[in-house]
Amino acid sequence: MLNGKKIILAVSGSIAAYKATYIIRDLIKLGASVKVIMTEASCSFITPLTLSTLSKNPVLIDFTKDDSTGEWNNHVDLGLWADAFLVAPATANTLSKMVTGHADSFLMATYLSAKCPVFVAPAMDLDMYKHGSTKDNLAKISERGNFIISPESGELASGLVGEGRLAEPENIVAYLTAYFKQNQPLLGKKVMITAGPTFEPIDPVRFIGNHSSGKMGFSLAQKAQELGADVTLIAGPVALPTPEAVKRIDITTAKELFTTCKAHYSNQDIIIMAAAVADYTPKTVSTTKIKKNANDWAIALEKTQDVLKWVGENKQEEQFLVGFALETNNEQENAHKKLVKKNLDFIVLNSLQDKGAGFKHNTNKITILRKDNKTIEFELKSKEEVALDILNQIIALNKL
C-alpha cells in the first residue's frame, strides 16, 4: 500500500528521535519516498546526516538553503508534494504549536501548507502525556481530521513506566499502511492482467515472437496493486521484475496463455488482456535445430486459440473485460470491430504511427473506445501514468 507514496517525516526534539531511522528504513523498504524535516531541537538527539543518508534526500531544517544567495526551501511545494505528513516523534511543544498554528519553524510552516492526511505520533514523559493541556491538544488535533498514533506503555527516559513512549516504528508504518489500504478504490477486487509477448517455438533455438516488452502490462499490475487490488499477472517471456505483492505466473506460448487464463478468469472481477499474443504458431516443432541448407524455407503455420475472444464469450455479466489493439492503419475502425467482436467493455488503442507509443517505449499514447460508443483520447505519457488512466476509467465505469 505504501509503494510509490510520498511521505514527509517530521522529527521533533525528543529522545525518541533515534527511532526515525527505523521508520525511514521501513517506509523505503515498502517502496515509499521519504523527505525528512527536523526541528533544531531534534538535531541534539540525532544528526541530519544520518536521516539524510537513510532517506536519500537532503534533510530540511530551516527556510534558508544558502544565506549568501538567499536561496530558500519552499514549504508550500513540499506540503503539496506529500501523500502523508507524519510527525514522529511529536513532542508536547510541537502538539501545542500544531493547535495554535504557531509557525516558528520550517516543520510548522510545512504542516500548515500540507493538503495530505496528517499522522501524529506523540512521545513524552508520563506526566506530560497525562496533563490536561496535552489531552486537550490531542483532542483538538484529532477534531481537525488528523490521525493520532497513540503512544505505547513502557519504560520512559525519566525512569518512569507508563504511557508516553513513541509507538514502535513497525506499528507506525502498519498504521499508515492500514490507512492507505482502506482508502483504495480497488480494495477487495481481483484483477487478472496479461502482459508481454508469446514465443511460438520452431525448433529448440528459434521461435516466432514479437517486440512486446511487457512494460504496459507490468505498469498496470503495479498500479492496480497500489489501488488495493489482488493482482494475478500472467507474463510472457520478459525481463522485468515482479511488481510488489503481485502474484506472477510465467508462460511462454499462446497455448500456455490460454490454459492459464482459462484456469484463473472465472473468479476475477476485472480482466485486462494486455499481452501481445501470436496469431499463428508452427504446426510442427522440430526436436533438433534446423540446419541452414536451402535458400528458401517455408514453415507451415496454424492459428492460435483467440484467448481474448474466448474470455469475452465466457465472461460473467458482472466481470469487466479490457482488451488492447495495436494498429498501423484505420486504427479506430479496426479497434471498434475488435471491441464488438470480442465482447469487451472497452478497448485500449495504440497506434504505431504515434511517436513514443507502442513496443519497448517507456511512454505510450492511447485512445480508449468504450462499448457505450464514447471515445477518450489521451496525450503521450509515461506507461505508469497511462496505467493509472486506464484503471481510473475502469473505476469510474464500475462506480468503485
Protein backbone atom coordinates (compact mmCIF):
# COMPACT_ATOMS: atom_id res chain seq x y z
CA MET A 1 0.00 0.00 0.00
CA LEU A 2 2.93 2.38 0.56
CA ASN A 3 4.67 1.63 -2.72
CA GLY A 4 5.08 4.93 -4.57
CA LYS A 5 3.71 7.02 -1.70
CA LYS A 6 5.47 10.32 -0.91
CA ILE A 7 5.84 10.80 2.83
CA ILE A 8 7.15 13.68 4.89
CA LEU A 9 8.62 12.56 8.22
CA ALA A 10 8.74 15.47 10.68
CA VAL A 11 11.05 14.83 13.63
CA SER A 12 10.79 17.00 16.74
CA GLY A 13 13.07 17.24 19.79
CA SER A 14 12.57 14.03 21.76
CA ILE A 15 14.95 11.30 22.88
CA ALA A 16 12.76 9.05 20.70
CA ALA A 17 14.08 10.86 17.60
CA TYR A 18 16.51 7.98 17.06
CA LYS A 19 13.53 5.80 16.10
CA ALA A 20 13.13 7.93 12.98
CA THR A 21 15.94 5.84 11.47
CA TYR A 22 13.81 2.69 11.71
CA ILE A 23 10.69 4.45 10.43
CA ILE A 24 12.58 5.69 7.36
CA ARG A 25 14.10 2.27 6.73
CA ASP A 26 10.74 0.52 6.89
CA LEU A 27 8.98 3.09 4.69
CA ILE A 28 11.64 2.90 1.99
CA LYS A 29 11.66 -0.89 2.16
CA LEU A 30 7.94 -0.76 1.28
CA GLY A 31 8.60 1.48 -1.73
CA ALA A 32 7.79 4.91 -0.26
CA SER A 33 9.73 8.11 -0.98
CA VAL A 34 10.66 9.92 2.23
CA LYS A 35 11.67 13.52 2.87
CA VAL A 36 12.66 14.47 6.41
CA ILE A 37 12.06 17.74 8.27
CA MET A 38 13.83 18.24 11.60
CA THR A 39 13.43 20.86 14.26
CA GLU A 40 16.63 22.41 15.62
CA ALA A 41 16.00 20.68 18.95
CA SER A 42 15.83 17.24 17.31
CA CYS A 43 19.36 17.70 15.94
CA SER A 44 20.64 17.31 19.51
CA PHE A 45 19.35 13.72 19.55
CA ILE A 46 20.20 12.50 16.02
CA THR A 47 22.21 14.03 13.20
CA PRO A 48 20.67 15.29 9.96
CA LEU A 49 23.41 13.39 8.12
CA THR A 50 22.07 10.08 9.44
CA LEU A 51 18.50 10.77 8.33
CA SER A 52 19.61 12.24 5.01
CA THR A 53 21.67 9.13 4.28
CA LEU A 54 18.78 6.80 5.08
CA SER A 55 16.11 8.79 3.25
CA LYS A 56 18.36 9.54 0.25
CA ASN A 57 17.13 13.14 0.37
CA PRO A 58 18.52 16.31 1.99
CA VAL A 59 17.12 16.92 5.47
CA LEU A 60 15.25 20.22 5.79
CA ILE A 61 15.60 22.23 8.99
CA ASP A 62 15.29 25.91 8.12
CA PHE A 63 13.73 28.08 5.44
CA THR A 64 17.10 29.17 4.09
CA LYS A 65 19.24 26.91 1.91
CA ASP A 66 22.10 29.34 1.37
CA ASP A 67 22.48 32.63 3.30
CA SER A 68 24.84 34.06 0.67
CA THR A 69 22.36 33.66 -2.22
CA GLY A 70 19.06 33.87 -0.40
CA GLU A 71 18.01 30.51 -1.81
CA TRP A 72 15.17 29.09 0.28
CA ASN A 73 13.32 25.86 0.94
CA ASN A 74 9.75 26.05 -0.33
CA HIS A 75 7.46 24.76 2.41
CA VAL A 76 4.35 25.18 0.22
CA ASP A 77 5.69 22.99 -2.59
CA LEU A 78 6.85 20.40 -0.09
CA GLY A 79 3.44 20.32 1.62
CA LEU A 80 1.74 19.80 -1.74
CA TRP A 81 4.24 17.08 -2.74
CA ALA A 82 3.33 14.71 0.08
CA ASP A 83 0.76 11.92 0.21
CA ALA A 84 1.17 11.80 4.00
CA PHE A 85 2.67 14.04 6.68
CA LEU A 86 3.94 12.04 9.66
CA VAL A 87 5.10 13.77 12.86
CA ALA A 88 7.15 11.21 14.80
CA PRO A 89 8.10 11.85 17.46
CA ALA A 90 5.67 14.66 18.25
CA THR A 91 6.62 16.43 21.49
CA ALA A 92 4.22 18.31 23.77
CA ASN A 93 5.71 21.54 22.43
CA THR A 94 5.05 20.52 18.80
CA LEU A 95 1.49 19.42 19.62
CA SER A 96 0.81 22.82 21.16
CA LYS A 97 2.11 24.64 18.09
CA MET A 98 0.03 22.44 15.78
CA VAL A 99 -3.09 23.54 17.68
CA THR A 100 -2.27 27.26 17.72
CA GLY A 101 -0.69 27.38 14.26
CA HIS A 102 2.48 28.90 15.72
CA ALA A 103 4.62 28.74 12.56
CA ASP A 104 8.03 29.46 14.04
CA SER A 105 9.82 26.62 12.21
CA PHE A 106 10.04 25.05 8.78
CA LEU A 107 8.25 21.99 10.20
CA MET A 108 5.25 24.03 11.32
CA ALA A 109 5.05 26.09 8.12
CA THR A 110 5.04 22.89 6.06
CA TYR A 111 2.40 21.33 8.31
CA LEU A 112 0.15 24.35 7.78
CA SER A 113 0.67 24.08 3.99
CA ALA A 114 0.05 20.34 3.70
CA LYS A 115 -3.09 19.15 1.88
CA CYS A 116 -2.49 15.46 2.64
CA PRO A 117 -3.51 13.33 5.66
CA VAL A 118 -1.51 14.15 8.80
CA PHE A 119 -0.44 11.46 11.27
CA VAL A 120 0.82 12.40 14.73
CA ALA A 121 2.79 10.03 16.95
CA PRO A 122 3.27 11.65 20.38
CA ALA A 123 6.29 10.92 22.58
CA MET A 124 6.87 12.40 26.02
CA ASP A 125 7.13 11.56 29.70
CA LEU A 126 4.16 10.01 31.52
CA ASP A 127 3.08 13.10 33.44
CA MET A 128 3.40 15.33 30.38
CA TYR A 129 1.26 12.95 28.35
CA LYS A 130 -1.39 12.75 31.09
CA HIS A 131 -1.53 16.53 31.55
CA GLY A 132 -4.84 18.15 30.67
CA SER A 133 -3.26 20.56 28.17
CA THR A 134 -1.71 17.67 26.21
CA LYS A 135 -5.01 15.79 26.19
CA ASP A 136 -6.83 18.93 25.01
CA ASN A 137 -4.27 19.50 22.25
CA LEU A 138 -4.53 15.91 21.02
CA ALA A 139 -8.32 16.15 21.00
CA LYS A 140 -8.20 19.39 19.01
CA ILE A 141 -5.71 17.93 16.51
CA SER A 142 -7.96 14.89 16.04
CA GLU A 143 -11.08 17.07 15.64
CA ARG A 144 -9.38 18.78 12.71
CA GLY A 145 -9.24 15.47 10.85
CA ASN A 146 -5.70 14.45 11.72
CA PHE A 147 -4.81 10.94 12.91
CA ILE A 148 -3.27 10.19 16.30
CA ILE A 149 -0.99 7.16 16.56
CA SER A 150 -1.24 6.59 20.29
CA PRO A 151 1.93 6.19 22.32
CA GLU A 152 2.69 2.88 23.96
CA SER A 153 3.38 1.94 27.57
CA GLY A 154 6.88 1.09 28.70
CA GLU A 155 9.98 2.41 30.37
CA LEU A 156 10.48 6.13 29.70
CA ALA A 157 13.64 8.24 29.64
CA SER A 158 12.82 9.64 33.11
CA GLY A 159 12.80 6.15 34.58
CA LEU A 160 9.04 6.13 34.98
CA VAL A 161 7.00 3.34 33.43
CA GLY A 162 3.72 4.09 31.64
CA GLU A 163 2.16 5.74 28.60
CA GLY A 164 4.13 8.24 26.57
CA ARG A 165 6.61 6.04 24.76
CA LEU A 166 6.66 6.58 20.98
CA ALA A 167 4.82 3.82 19.15
CA GLU A 168 7.23 1.26 17.76
CA PRO A 169 8.33 2.05 14.17
CA GLU A 170 6.71 -1.10 12.77
CA ASN A 171 3.40 -0.11 14.40
CA ILE A 172 3.60 3.40 12.96
CA VAL A 173 4.27 2.04 9.48
CA ALA A 174 1.45 -0.51 9.91
CA TYR A 175 -0.92 2.35 10.81
CA LEU A 176 -0.04 4.21 7.60
CA THR A 177 -0.38 1.02 5.58
CA ALA A 178 -3.83 0.33 7.01
CA TYR A 179 -4.93 3.90 6.25
CA PHE A 180 -3.95 3.74 2.59
CA LYS A 181 -5.34 0.24 2.23
CA GLN A 182 -8.84 1.16 3.39
CA ASN A 183 -8.92 4.14 1.04
CA GLN A 184 -8.07 2.20 -2.12
CA PRO A 185 -10.83 2.04 -4.77
CA LEU A 186 -9.86 -1.49 -5.88
CA LEU A 187 -9.62 -2.91 -2.37
CA GLY A 188 -11.04 -6.44 -2.35
CA LYS A 189 -11.18 -6.66 -6.15
CA LYS A 190 -9.45 -9.48 -8.00
CA VAL A 191 -7.68 -8.32 -11.15
CA MET A 192 -6.09 -10.55 -13.78
CA ILE A 193 -3.64 -8.92 -16.21
CA THR A 194 -1.78 -10.49 -19.12
CA ALA A 195 1.47 -8.92 -20.30
CA GLY A 196 4.35 -9.35 -22.71
CA PRO A 197 4.72 -11.44 -25.88
CA THR A 198 4.28 -15.12 -26.57
CA PHE A 199 7.05 -17.12 -28.22
CA GLU A 200 5.98 -19.92 -30.58
CA PRO A 201 8.82 -22.45 -30.98
CA ILE A 202 10.09 -23.53 -34.39
CA ASP A 203 12.89 -25.69 -33.03
CA PRO A 204 14.94 -25.69 -29.78
CA VAL A 205 16.65 -22.46 -30.87
CA ARG A 206 14.20 -20.40 -32.94
CA PHE A 207 10.73 -19.04 -32.33
CA ILE A 208 8.06 -16.75 -33.75
CA GLY A 209 7.55 -13.75 -31.48
CA ASN A 210 7.05 -10.00 -31.35
CA HIS A 211 8.65 -6.90 -29.87
CA SER A 212 6.43 -6.56 -26.78
CA SER A 213 8.45 -5.70 -23.67
CA GLY A 214 5.59 -6.23 -21.20
CA LYS A 215 6.10 -2.75 -19.70
CA MET A 216 2.48 -1.68 -20.17
CA GLY A 217 1.04 -4.79 -18.53
CA PHE A 218 3.53 -4.67 -15.67
CA SER A 219 2.72 -0.99 -15.06
CA LEU A 220 -0.96 -1.91 -14.93
CA ALA A 221 -0.23 -4.67 -12.42
CA GLN A 222 1.79 -2.35 -10.20
CA LYS A 223 -0.81 0.44 -10.23
CA ALA A 224 -3.72 -1.97 -9.68
CA GLN A 225 -1.92 -3.37 -6.63
CA GLU A 226 -1.27 0.16 -5.32
CA LEU A 227 -5.01 0.84 -5.67
CA GLY A 228 -5.76 -2.14 -3.43
CA ALA A 229 -6.40 -4.95 -5.91
CA ASP A 230 -5.43 -8.59 -5.51
CA VAL A 231 -3.49 -8.91 -8.77
CA THR A 232 -2.65 -12.01 -10.81
CA LEU A 233 -0.14 -11.18 -13.55
CA ILE A 234 0.22 -13.71 -16.37
CA ALA A 235 3.52 -12.79 -18.02
CA GLY A 236 5.09 -13.86 -21.27
CA PRO A 237 8.89 -14.09 -21.62
CA VAL A 238 10.06 -10.64 -20.47
CA ALA A 239 12.98 -9.31 -18.45
CA LEU A 240 11.03 -7.31 -15.86
CA PRO A 241 10.91 -7.60 -12.06
CA THR A 242 7.64 -8.68 -10.49
CA PRO A 243 5.71 -5.71 -9.02
CA GLU A 244 5.42 -5.64 -5.24
CA ALA A 245 2.78 -8.01 -3.78
CA VAL A 246 1.63 -9.24 -7.22
CA LYS A 247 1.11 -12.93 -7.95
CA ARG A 248 3.02 -13.72 -11.14
CA ILE A 249 2.53 -16.72 -13.43
CA ASP A 250 5.06 -17.10 -16.25
CA ILE A 251 4.05 -18.54 -19.62
CA THR A 252 5.80 -18.79 -23.00
CA THR A 253 3.35 -19.82 -25.72
CA ALA A 254 -0.14 -18.75 -26.75
CA LYS A 255 -1.40 -22.18 -25.77
CA GLU A 256 0.05 -21.80 -22.26
CA LEU A 257 -1.50 -18.34 -22.01
CA PHE A 258 -4.91 -19.73 -22.97
CA THR A 259 -4.67 -22.60 -20.48
CA THR A 260 -3.62 -20.26 -17.67
CA CYS A 261 -6.29 -17.65 -18.41
CA LYS A 262 -8.94 -20.37 -18.61
CA ALA A 263 -7.88 -21.64 -15.18
CA HIS A 264 -7.98 -18.23 -13.49
CA TYR A 265 -10.50 -15.97 -15.28
CA SER A 266 -13.70 -17.15 -13.58
CA ASN A 267 -13.02 -15.70 -10.11
CA GLN A 268 -11.73 -12.33 -11.35
CA ASP A 269 -13.62 -9.05 -11.08
CA ILE A 270 -11.55 -7.25 -13.70
CA ILE A 271 -9.60 -8.79 -16.60
CA ILE A 272 -7.10 -6.73 -18.58
CA MET A 273 -5.65 -8.51 -21.60
CA ALA A 274 -2.53 -6.50 -22.45
CA ALA A 275 -0.38 -9.38 -23.78
CA ALA A 276 0.70 -9.37 -27.42
CA VAL A 277 -0.35 -12.88 -28.37
CA ALA A 278 0.95 -14.61 -31.51
CA ASP A 279 -1.82 -15.16 -34.07
CA TYR A 280 -0.08 -18.17 -35.60
CA THR A 281 2.14 -21.00 -34.37
CA PRO A 282 4.15 -23.64 -36.28
CA LYS A 283 2.17 -26.80 -36.98
CA THR A 284 5.15 -28.94 -36.08
CA VAL A 285 8.14 -28.18 -33.86
CA SER A 286 11.48 -29.76 -34.68
CA THR A 287 13.15 -31.50 -31.76
CA THR A 288 16.59 -30.61 -33.17
CA LYS A 289 17.98 -27.40 -34.56
CA ILE A 290 17.03 -26.99 -38.22
CA LYS A 291 20.18 -26.61 -40.32
CA LYS A 292 20.66 -23.87 -42.88
CA ASN A 293 20.58 -25.72 -46.22
CA ALA A 294 18.14 -24.50 -48.86
CA ASN A 295 17.86 -20.87 -49.98
CA ASP A 296 14.13 -20.91 -49.22
CA TRP A 297 12.47 -22.19 -46.09
CA ALA A 298 8.74 -22.48 -45.57
CA ILE A 299 7.08 -23.08 -42.22
CA ALA A 300 3.51 -24.37 -42.06
CA LEU A 301 1.52 -22.32 -39.53
CA GLU A 302 -1.84 -22.72 -37.86
CA LYS A 303 -3.98 -20.26 -35.95
CA THR A 304 -3.55 -20.00 -32.21
CA GLN A 305 -6.52 -20.01 -29.87
CA ASP A 306 -8.01 -16.48 -29.71
CA VAL A 307 -7.67 -16.03 -25.94
CA LEU A 308 -9.35 -12.64 -25.75
CA LYS A 309 -12.34 -13.78 -27.79
CA TRP A 310 -12.74 -16.88 -25.63
CA VAL A 311 -12.69 -14.83 -22.42
CA GLY A 312 -15.18 -12.37 -23.94
CA GLU A 313 -17.55 -15.21 -24.85
CA ASN A 314 -17.29 -16.81 -21.42
CA LYS A 315 -17.06 -13.84 -19.06
CA GLN A 316 -19.78 -13.43 -16.48
CA GLU A 317 -22.10 -10.43 -16.53
CA GLU A 318 -20.50 -8.77 -13.53
CA GLN A 319 -16.95 -9.16 -14.86
CA PHE A 320 -15.24 -6.23 -16.58
CA LEU A 321 -13.06 -7.03 -19.61
CA VAL A 322 -10.48 -4.77 -21.25
CA GLY A 323 -8.57 -5.56 -24.42
CA PHE A 324 -5.75 -3.86 -26.33
CA ALA A 325 -5.38 -3.13 -30.04
CA LEU A 326 -2.11 -2.12 -31.70
CA GLU A 327 -2.87 -0.79 -35.17
CA THR A 328 -0.99 0.77 -38.08
CA ASN A 329 -3.92 1.90 -40.24
CA ASN A 330 -7.67 2.51 -39.89
CA GLU A 331 -6.94 2.43 -36.17
CA GLN A 332 -10.28 3.38 -34.62
CA GLU A 333 -12.33 1.40 -37.14
CA ASN A 334 -10.30 -1.77 -36.55
CA ALA A 335 -10.28 -1.27 -32.78
CA HIS A 336 -14.07 -0.81 -32.70
CA LYS A 337 -14.57 -4.04 -34.66
CA LYS A 338 -12.41 -5.85 -32.13
CA LEU A 339 -14.34 -4.27 -29.23
CA VAL A 340 -17.64 -5.62 -30.56
CA LYS A 341 -16.41 -8.97 -31.84
CA LYS A 342 -14.71 -9.89 -28.57
CA ASN A 343 -17.41 -8.57 -26.21
CA LEU A 344 -15.18 -6.06 -24.44
CA ASP A 345 -16.24 -3.32 -22.03
CA PHE A 346 -13.59 -1.10 -23.55
CA ILE A 347 -10.52 -1.40 -25.72
CA VAL A 348 -7.22 0.47 -25.43
CA LEU A 349 -5.94 1.56 -28.84
CA ASN A 350 -2.24 2.11 -29.56
CA SER A 351 -1.04 3.31 -32.95
CA LEU A 352 2.44 2.60 -34.23
CA GLN A 353 2.10 5.88 -36.12
CA ASP A 354 2.37 7.82 -32.85
CA LYS A 355 5.90 8.73 -31.81
CA GLY A 356 6.80 7.33 -28.41
CA ALA A 357 3.97 4.78 -28.41
CA GLY A 358 3.93 1.04 -28.95
CA PHE A 359 6.51 -1.63 -28.17
CA LYS A 360 9.56 -1.11 -25.93
CA HIS A 361 8.98 2.57 -25.17
CA ASN A 362 8.65 3.85 -21.60
CA THR A 363 5.84 6.09 -22.84
CA ASN A 364 2.53 5.42 -24.55
CA LYS A 365 -0.26 7.34 -26.25
CA ILE A 366 -3.66 5.70 -26.06
CA THR A 367 -7.26 6.11 -27.08
CA ILE A 368 -9.97 4.29 -25.13
CA LEU A 369 -13.04 3.13 -27.07
CA ARG A 370 -15.93 2.14 -24.80
CA LYS A 371 -18.87 -0.11 -25.59
CA ASP A 372 -21.21 2.85 -24.97
CA ASN A 373 -19.57 4.39 -28.09
CA LYS A 374 -17.68 7.03 -26.10
CA THR A 375 -14.09 7.62 -27.21
CA ILE A 376 -11.46 9.20 -24.94
CA GLU A 377 -8.07 10.31 -26.26
CA PHE A 378 -5.05 10.82 -24.02
CA GLU A 379 -1.76 12.64 -24.50
CA LEU A 380 1.63 10.91 -24.63
CA LYS A 381 2.51 9.90 -21.05
CA SER A 382 4.71 7.50 -19.13
CA LYS A 383 3.35 3.96 -19.05
CA GLU A 384 2.82 4.31 -15.29
CA GLU A 385 0.56 7.33 -15.92
CA VAL A 386 -1.19 5.54 -18.78
CA ALA A 387 -1.84 2.57 -16.49
CA LEU A 388 -3.48 4.90 -13.98
CA ASP A 389 -5.64 6.47 -16.72
CA ILE A 390 -6.85 3.00 -17.76
CA LEU A 391 -7.57 1.93 -14.19
CA ASN A 392 -9.36 5.21 -13.43
CA GLN A 393 -11.66 4.54 -16.39
CA ILE A 394 -12.41 1.07 -15.03
CA ILE A 395 -13.05 2.51 -11.57
CA ALA A 396 -15.38 5.20 -12.95
CA LEU A 397 -17.38 2.80 -15.14
CA ASN A 398 -17.77 0.33 -12.26
CA LYS A 399 -18.60 3.16 -9.80
CA LEU A 400 -15.93 1.84 -7.41
